[in-house]
Amino acid sequence: MIDPTENLVRMANQIAANNGHWPTHQECVERVSGHIRKFWAPSMIAKLRQNAEGLSDLARESLDHV
């Protein structure tokens, strides 16, 4: 069984991977953070912030902008 926090890390990394193609790094960060802000519950974001181990660099930076 997958740990719920591990699942959140996996999903955040997937979102980052799928949005890492925009022309500028800042636009990538904005797209990832915007997606998380729009579609994730505050409790999911809080849980990810508590245990961000395993996040990609883009996912980690984007989480700071949510």
Protein backbone atom coordinates (compact mmCIF):
# COMPACT_ATOMS: atom_id res chain seq x y z
CA MET A 1 0.00 0.00 0.00
CA ILE A 2 1.30 3.45 -0.94
CA ASP A 3 1.80 5.98 1.83
CA PRO A 4 -0.53 8.97 1.19
CA THR A 5 2.38 11.40 1.51
CA GLU A 6 4.44 9.42 -0.99
CA ASN A 7 1.48 9.60 -3.35
CA LEU A 8 1.35 13.40 -2.99
CA VAL A 9 5.08 13.63 -3.73
CA ARG A 10 4.63 11.43 -6.79
CA MET A 11 1.72 13.54 -8.06
CA ALA A 12 3.57 16.84 -7.47
CA ASN A 13 6.60 15.50 -9.34
CA GLN A 14 4.38 14.41 -12.23
CA ILE A 15 2.79 17.86 -12.42
CA ALA A 16 6.25 19.41 -12.44
CA ALA A 17 7.46 17.01 -15.15
CA ASN A 18 4.43 17.78 -17.30
CA ASN A 19 4.93 21.54 -16.94
CA GLY A 20 8.69 21.77 -17.21
CA HIS A 21 8.60 22.69 -20.90
CA TRP A 22 7.47 26.30 -20.73
CA PRO A 23 9.88 28.90 -22.18
CA THR A 24 11.09 30.31 -18.85
CA HIS A 25 11.75 28.75 -15.49
CA GLN A 26 9.44 31.28 -13.84
CA GLU A 27 6.58 30.26 -16.14
CA CYS A 28 7.15 26.61 -15.22
CA VAL A 29 6.97 27.49 -11.52
CA GLU A 30 3.79 29.52 -12.08
CA ARG A 31 2.11 26.68 -14.01
CA VAL A 32 2.95 24.05 -11.40
CA SER A 33 2.01 26.21 -8.41
CA GLY A 34 -1.17 27.34 -10.17
CA HIS A 35 -2.21 23.76 -10.82
CA ILE A 36 -1.63 22.73 -7.22
CA ARG A 37 -3.40 25.81 -5.88
CA LYS A 38 -6.41 25.23 -8.17
CA PHE A 39 -6.89 21.48 -7.85
CA TRP A 40 -5.46 20.41 -4.48
CA ALA A 41 -7.21 20.66 -1.14
CA PRO A 42 -5.46 22.79 1.49
CA SER A 43 -4.96 19.65 3.59
CA MET A 44 -3.05 18.01 0.72
CA ILE A 45 -0.78 21.04 0.35
CA ALA A 46 -0.16 21.16 4.10
CA LYS A 47 0.73 17.45 4.20
CA LEU A 48 3.15 17.89 1.29
CA ARG A 49 4.79 20.86 3.00
CA GLN A 50 5.28 18.80 6.17
CA ASN A 51 7.12 16.09 4.26
CA ALA A 52 8.60 17.41 1.03
CA GLU A 53 11.35 14.79 0.86
CA GLY A 54 11.64 13.39 -2.65
CA LEU A 55 10.23 16.40 -4.48
CA SER A 56 11.94 17.48 -7.67
CA ASP A 57 13.57 20.90 -7.64
CA LEU A 58 10.74 22.38 -9.74
CA ALA A 59 8.04 20.85 -7.55
CA ARG A 60 9.76 22.07 -4.38
CA GLU A 61 10.18 25.61 -5.69
CA SER A 62 6.59 25.67 -6.94
CA LEU A 63 5.30 24.56 -3.56
CA ASP A 64 6.87 27.72 -2.10
CA HIS A 65 4.61 29.77 -4.42
CA VAL A 66 1.31 28.04 -3.62
